[in-house]
């Protein structure tokens, strides 16, 4: 249902725009990690799968941002659409944590 109440649009914009930007930020950071760092705990297949899922999610978020702007903030996004993005960000955070642990243990072994 379309609601043209300006206060609803303002509230939606104040919440949804930063949320979408956060998704883009974390997906970009995750992509950089997956593309550039040695992740010894992750098989090449799992790494490629995660990287592909991040790339798809980035495209989905970009599309949502474009639609949101094109509709001048008059459209929302279903929670069921955003939940997989949230889950993927959480999965990427876990990879980042493991990478930091890997780096820490390598530094300890090398006496750094």
N, C-alpha and C. Protein backbone atom coordinates (compact mmCIF):
# COMPACT_ATOMS: atom_id res chain seq x y z
N UNK A 1 0.85 -1.17 0.00
CA UNK A 1 0.00 0.00 0.00
C UNK A 1 0.89 1.23 0.00
N UNK A 2 0.54 2.19 -0.81
CA UNK A 2 1.31 3.41 -0.95
C UNK A 2 0.85 4.43 0.08
N UNK A 3 1.80 4.97 0.80
CA UNK A 3 1.48 5.98 1.80
C UNK A 3 2.30 7.21 1.47
N UNK A 4 1.64 8.32 1.16
CA UNK A 4 2.35 9.51 0.73
C UNK A 4 2.60 10.49 1.86
N UNK A 5 2.44 10.07 3.09
CA UNK A 5 2.70 10.93 4.24
C UNK A 5 4.17 11.32 4.24
N UNK A 6 4.48 12.62 4.15
CA UNK A 6 5.88 13.04 4.10
C UNK A 6 6.70 12.60 5.31
N UNK A 7 6.08 12.52 6.48
CA UNK A 7 6.85 12.10 7.66
C UNK A 7 7.26 10.63 7.55
N UNK A 8 6.41 9.81 6.93
CA UNK A 8 6.77 8.40 6.71
C UNK A 8 7.96 8.29 5.76
N UNK A 9 7.95 9.09 4.71
CA UNK A 9 9.03 9.09 3.74
C UNK A 9 10.33 9.55 4.40
N UNK A 10 10.25 10.56 5.23
CA UNK A 10 11.43 11.06 5.92
C UNK A 10 12.01 10.01 6.86
N UNK A 11 11.14 9.34 7.59
CA UNK A 11 11.58 8.28 8.50
C UNK A 11 12.21 7.14 7.72
N UNK A 12 11.55 6.73 6.65
CA UNK A 12 12.07 5.65 5.81
C UNK A 12 13.44 6.01 5.26
N UNK A 13 13.56 7.24 4.78
CA UNK A 13 14.84 7.69 4.22
C UNK A 13 15.93 7.72 5.30
N UNK A 14 15.59 8.16 6.49
CA UNK A 14 16.60 8.26 7.55
C UNK A 14 17.08 6.89 8.03
N UNK A 15 16.29 5.88 7.82
CA UNK A 15 16.67 4.53 8.24
C UNK A 15 17.23 3.72 7.08
N UNK A 16 16.53 3.74 5.96
CA UNK A 16 16.88 2.84 4.86
C UNK A 16 18.13 3.27 4.10
N UNK A 17 18.27 4.55 3.85
CA UNK A 17 19.46 5.00 3.10
C UNK A 17 20.76 4.62 3.81
N UNK A 18 20.92 4.92 5.09
CA UNK A 18 22.17 4.53 5.76
C UNK A 18 22.35 3.01 5.84
N UNK A 19 21.25 2.29 5.99
CA UNK A 19 21.33 0.83 6.05
C UNK A 19 21.87 0.27 4.73
N UNK A 20 21.36 0.76 3.63
CA UNK A 20 21.83 0.30 2.33
C UNK A 20 23.29 0.68 2.12
N UNK A 21 23.67 1.87 2.57
CA UNK A 21 25.07 2.29 2.47
C UNK A 21 25.97 1.38 3.32
N UNK A 22 25.49 0.99 4.50
CA UNK A 22 26.26 0.07 5.34
C UNK A 22 26.46 -1.28 4.65
N UNK A 23 25.40 -1.79 4.04
CA UNK A 23 25.54 -3.05 3.31
C UNK A 23 26.62 -2.91 2.24
N UNK A 24 26.57 -1.82 1.48
CA UNK A 24 27.57 -1.62 0.43
C UNK A 24 28.98 -1.55 1.02
N UNK A 25 29.13 -0.85 2.13
CA UNK A 25 30.43 -0.72 2.78
C UNK A 25 30.99 -2.09 3.17
N UNK A 26 30.17 -2.88 3.87
CA UNK A 26 30.65 -4.18 4.35
C UNK A 26 30.87 -5.16 3.21
N UNK A 27 30.04 -5.10 2.18
CA UNK A 27 30.27 -5.99 1.04
C UNK A 27 31.56 -5.60 0.31
N UNK A 28 31.83 -4.32 0.19
CA UNK A 28 33.06 -3.89 -0.46
C UNK A 28 34.29 -4.31 0.34
N UNK A 29 34.24 -4.14 1.64
CA UNK A 29 35.36 -4.58 2.49
C UNK A 29 35.57 -6.09 2.40
N UNK A 30 34.46 -6.81 2.40
CA UNK A 30 34.54 -8.27 2.31
C UNK A 30 35.12 -8.70 0.97
N UNK A 31 34.69 -8.04 -0.06
CA UNK A 31 35.18 -8.36 -1.39
C UNK A 31 36.69 -8.13 -1.47
N UNK A 32 37.14 -7.02 -0.91
CA UNK A 32 38.57 -6.72 -0.90
C UNK A 32 39.35 -7.81 -0.14
N UNK A 33 38.83 -8.21 1.00
CA UNK A 33 39.48 -9.27 1.79
C UNK A 33 39.55 -10.56 0.98
N UNK A 34 38.43 -10.93 0.37
CA UNK A 34 38.37 -12.19 -0.37
C UNK A 34 39.25 -12.17 -1.62
N UNK A 35 39.41 -11.00 -2.22
CA UNK A 35 40.18 -10.91 -3.46
C UNK A 35 41.68 -10.73 -3.23
N UNK A 36 42.07 -10.25 -2.05
CA UNK A 36 43.48 -9.87 -1.90
C UNK A 36 44.26 -10.60 -0.81
N UNK A 37 43.59 -11.17 0.16
CA UNK A 37 44.32 -11.74 1.30
C UNK A 37 44.39 -13.27 1.22
N UNK A 38 45.47 -13.84 1.75
CA UNK A 38 45.57 -15.30 1.82
C UNK A 38 44.68 -15.82 2.95
N UNK A 39 43.68 -16.55 2.62
CA UNK A 39 42.75 -17.10 3.60
C UNK A 39 42.99 -18.60 3.67
N UNK A 40 43.95 -18.98 4.47
CA UNK A 40 44.42 -20.36 4.52
C UNK A 40 43.36 -21.33 5.02
N UNK A 41 42.40 -20.85 5.77
CA UNK A 41 41.35 -21.68 6.36
C UNK A 41 40.16 -21.88 5.42
N UNK A 42 40.20 -21.25 4.26
CA UNK A 42 39.06 -21.28 3.33
C UNK A 42 39.51 -21.93 2.03
N UNK A 43 38.81 -22.97 1.61
CA UNK A 43 39.16 -23.61 0.34
C UNK A 43 38.89 -22.65 -0.82
N UNK A 44 39.55 -22.90 -1.92
CA UNK A 44 39.37 -22.06 -3.11
C UNK A 44 37.91 -22.05 -3.56
N UNK A 45 37.27 -23.21 -3.45
CA UNK A 45 35.86 -23.33 -3.85
C UNK A 45 34.95 -22.49 -2.95
N UNK A 46 35.16 -22.59 -1.64
CA UNK A 46 34.33 -21.82 -0.70
C UNK A 46 34.60 -20.32 -0.83
N UNK A 47 35.84 -19.99 -1.08
CA UNK A 47 36.20 -18.58 -1.27
C UNK A 47 35.50 -18.02 -2.51
N UNK A 48 35.57 -18.76 -3.60
CA UNK A 48 34.93 -18.33 -4.84
C UNK A 48 33.41 -18.22 -4.67
N UNK A 49 32.83 -19.17 -3.95
CA UNK A 49 31.39 -19.14 -3.70
C UNK A 49 31.01 -17.90 -2.89
N UNK A 50 31.75 -17.63 -1.83
CA UNK A 50 31.45 -16.47 -1.00
C UNK A 50 31.65 -15.18 -1.77
N UNK A 51 32.70 -15.10 -2.55
CA UNK A 51 32.96 -13.92 -3.37
C UNK A 51 31.83 -13.70 -4.38
N UNK A 52 31.35 -14.76 -4.99
CA UNK A 52 30.25 -14.65 -5.95
C UNK A 52 28.97 -14.18 -5.26
N UNK A 53 28.70 -14.71 -4.07
CA UNK A 53 27.51 -14.28 -3.34
C UNK A 53 27.59 -12.82 -2.92
N UNK A 54 28.80 -12.38 -2.55
CA UNK A 54 28.98 -10.97 -2.19
C UNK A 54 28.76 -10.09 -3.41
N UNK A 55 29.28 -10.49 -4.55
CA UNK A 55 29.11 -9.70 -5.78
C UNK A 55 27.63 -9.59 -6.16
N UNK A 56 26.89 -10.68 -6.03
CA UNK A 56 25.45 -10.66 -6.33
C UNK A 56 24.73 -9.75 -5.34
N UNK A 57 25.06 -9.85 -4.07
CA UNK A 57 24.42 -9.02 -3.06
C UNK A 57 24.72 -7.54 -3.31
N UNK A 58 25.94 -7.23 -3.71
CA UNK A 58 26.27 -5.84 -4.03
C UNK A 58 25.38 -5.31 -5.15
N UNK A 59 25.17 -6.13 -6.16
CA UNK A 59 24.31 -5.73 -7.28
C UNK A 59 22.86 -5.53 -6.80
N UNK A 60 22.41 -6.43 -5.95
CA UNK A 60 21.04 -6.32 -5.42
C UNK A 60 20.88 -5.05 -4.60
N UNK A 61 21.85 -4.75 -3.77
CA UNK A 61 21.78 -3.53 -2.95
C UNK A 61 21.84 -2.30 -3.85
N UNK A 62 22.69 -2.33 -4.85
CA UNK A 62 22.77 -1.20 -5.79
C UNK A 62 21.43 -0.97 -6.47
N UNK A 63 20.79 -2.06 -6.88
CA UNK A 63 19.48 -1.95 -7.51
C UNK A 63 18.46 -1.36 -6.55
N UNK A 64 18.48 -1.83 -5.31
CA UNK A 64 17.56 -1.31 -4.30
C UNK A 64 17.80 0.18 -4.07
N UNK A 65 19.07 0.58 -4.04
CA UNK A 65 19.39 2.00 -3.86
C UNK A 65 18.87 2.83 -5.02
N UNK A 66 19.06 2.33 -6.24
CA UNK A 66 18.57 3.05 -7.42
C UNK A 66 17.06 3.21 -7.40
N UNK A 67 16.36 2.13 -7.06
CA UNK A 67 14.90 2.19 -7.00
C UNK A 67 14.44 3.14 -5.89
N UNK A 68 15.11 3.08 -4.76
CA UNK A 68 14.76 3.95 -3.64
C UNK A 68 14.90 5.41 -4.03
N UNK A 69 16.01 5.73 -4.70
CA UNK A 69 16.24 7.12 -5.14
C UNK A 69 15.26 7.51 -6.24
N UNK A 70 15.02 6.60 -7.18
CA UNK A 70 14.11 6.90 -8.29
C UNK A 70 12.70 7.16 -7.79
N UNK A 71 12.32 6.50 -6.72
CA UNK A 71 10.99 6.68 -6.15
C UNK A 71 10.99 7.76 -5.07
N UNK A 72 12.09 8.49 -4.97
CA UNK A 72 12.23 9.60 -4.03
C UNK A 72 11.91 9.18 -2.60
N UNK A 73 12.37 8.00 -2.24
CA UNK A 73 12.21 7.53 -0.86
C UNK A 73 10.79 7.10 -0.52
N UNK A 74 9.97 6.90 -1.51
CA UNK A 74 8.57 6.53 -1.28
C UNK A 74 8.33 5.03 -1.32
N UNK A 75 9.41 4.26 -1.30
CA UNK A 75 9.28 2.81 -1.38
C UNK A 75 10.22 2.18 -0.36
N UNK A 76 9.76 1.13 0.25
CA UNK A 76 10.58 0.42 1.23
C UNK A 76 11.10 -0.88 0.65
N UNK A 77 11.79 -1.64 1.49
CA UNK A 77 12.32 -2.94 1.09
C UNK A 77 11.85 -3.95 2.12
N UNK A 78 11.31 -5.02 1.64
CA UNK A 78 10.83 -6.08 2.53
C UNK A 78 11.98 -6.64 3.36
N UNK A 79 11.69 -6.95 4.59
CA UNK A 79 12.68 -7.56 5.48
C UNK A 79 13.19 -8.86 4.90
N UNK A 80 12.31 -9.60 4.25
CA UNK A 80 12.71 -10.89 3.67
C UNK A 80 13.75 -10.71 2.56
N UNK A 81 13.82 -9.52 1.97
CA UNK A 81 14.83 -9.23 0.96
C UNK A 81 16.15 -8.88 1.63
N UNK A 82 16.09 -8.15 2.73
CA UNK A 82 17.31 -7.70 3.41
C UNK A 82 17.95 -8.75 4.31
N UNK A 83 17.17 -9.68 4.81
CA UNK A 83 17.72 -10.67 5.74
C UNK A 83 18.89 -11.46 5.13
N UNK A 84 18.79 -11.92 3.89
CA UNK A 84 19.95 -12.62 3.31
C UNK A 84 21.20 -11.74 3.24
N UNK A 85 21.01 -10.44 3.02
CA UNK A 85 22.16 -9.53 3.01
C UNK A 85 22.78 -9.46 4.41
N UNK A 86 21.93 -9.36 5.40
CA UNK A 86 22.40 -9.31 6.78
C UNK A 86 23.16 -10.59 7.12
N UNK A 87 22.59 -11.72 6.75
CA UNK A 87 23.24 -13.01 7.02
C UNK A 87 24.59 -13.11 6.31
N UNK A 88 24.66 -12.60 5.09
CA UNK A 88 25.91 -12.64 4.33
C UNK A 88 26.96 -11.74 4.97
N UNK A 89 26.55 -10.56 5.43
CA UNK A 89 27.49 -9.68 6.13
C UNK A 89 28.03 -10.38 7.38
N UNK A 90 27.15 -11.03 8.13
CA UNK A 90 27.59 -11.75 9.33
C UNK A 90 28.57 -12.87 8.97
N UNK A 91 28.31 -13.57 7.88
CA UNK A 91 29.22 -14.62 7.42
C UNK A 91 30.58 -14.03 7.05
N UNK A 92 30.56 -12.89 6.38
CA UNK A 92 31.81 -12.23 5.99
C UNK A 92 32.57 -11.75 7.22
N UNK A 93 31.85 -11.27 8.23
CA UNK A 93 32.51 -10.85 9.47
C UNK A 93 33.24 -12.04 10.11
N UNK A 94 32.62 -13.21 10.05
CA UNK A 94 33.25 -14.40 10.62
C UNK A 94 34.54 -14.74 9.87
N UNK A 95 34.53 -14.58 8.57
CA UNK A 95 35.74 -14.81 7.77
C UNK A 95 36.81 -13.80 8.17
N UNK A 96 36.42 -12.55 8.36
CA UNK A 96 37.38 -11.51 8.75
C UNK A 96 37.97 -11.82 10.13
N UNK A 97 37.15 -12.29 11.05
CA UNK A 97 37.64 -12.65 12.38
C UNK A 97 38.66 -13.79 12.26
N UNK A 98 38.32 -14.79 11.49
CA UNK A 98 39.25 -15.93 11.31
C UNK A 98 40.54 -15.47 10.64
N UNK A 99 40.43 -14.54 9.70
CA UNK A 99 41.63 -14.01 9.05
C UNK A 99 42.52 -13.30 10.07
N UNK A 100 41.93 -12.49 10.94
CA UNK A 100 42.71 -11.81 11.97
C UNK A 100 43.37 -12.82 12.91
N UNK A 101 42.65 -13.88 13.23
CA UNK A 101 43.24 -14.92 14.08
C UNK A 101 44.40 -15.60 13.35
N UNK A 102 44.23 -15.85 12.06
CA UNK A 102 45.29 -16.45 11.24
C UNK A 102 46.52 -15.54 11.23
N UNK A 103 46.31 -14.27 11.02
CA UNK A 103 47.41 -13.31 10.99
C UNK A 103 48.10 -13.23 12.34
N UNK A 104 47.32 -13.24 13.40
CA UNK A 104 47.87 -13.17 14.74
C UNK A 104 48.72 -14.39 15.05
N UNK A 105 48.22 -15.57 14.69
CA UNK A 105 48.99 -16.79 14.98
C UNK A 105 50.25 -16.85 14.12
N UNK A 106 50.19 -16.35 12.89
CA UNK A 106 51.39 -16.33 12.04
C UNK A 106 52.43 -15.35 12.61
N UNK A 107 51.96 -14.22 13.13
CA UNK A 107 52.87 -13.26 13.73
C UNK A 107 53.51 -13.83 14.99
N UNK A 108 52.76 -14.60 15.76
CA UNK A 108 53.31 -15.23 16.97
C UNK A 108 54.36 -16.28 16.61
N UNK A 109 54.11 -17.03 15.56
CA UNK A 109 55.05 -18.07 15.11
C UNK A 109 56.33 -17.42 14.59
N UNK A 110 56.18 -16.29 13.90
CA UNK A 110 57.33 -15.61 13.32
C UNK A 110 58.04 -14.70 14.33
N UNK A 111 57.55 -14.65 15.55
CA UNK A 111 58.19 -13.85 16.59
C UNK A 111 57.92 -12.37 16.48
N UNK A 112 56.86 -12.02 15.79
CA UNK A 112 56.52 -10.58 15.65
C UNK A 112 55.65 -10.10 16.78
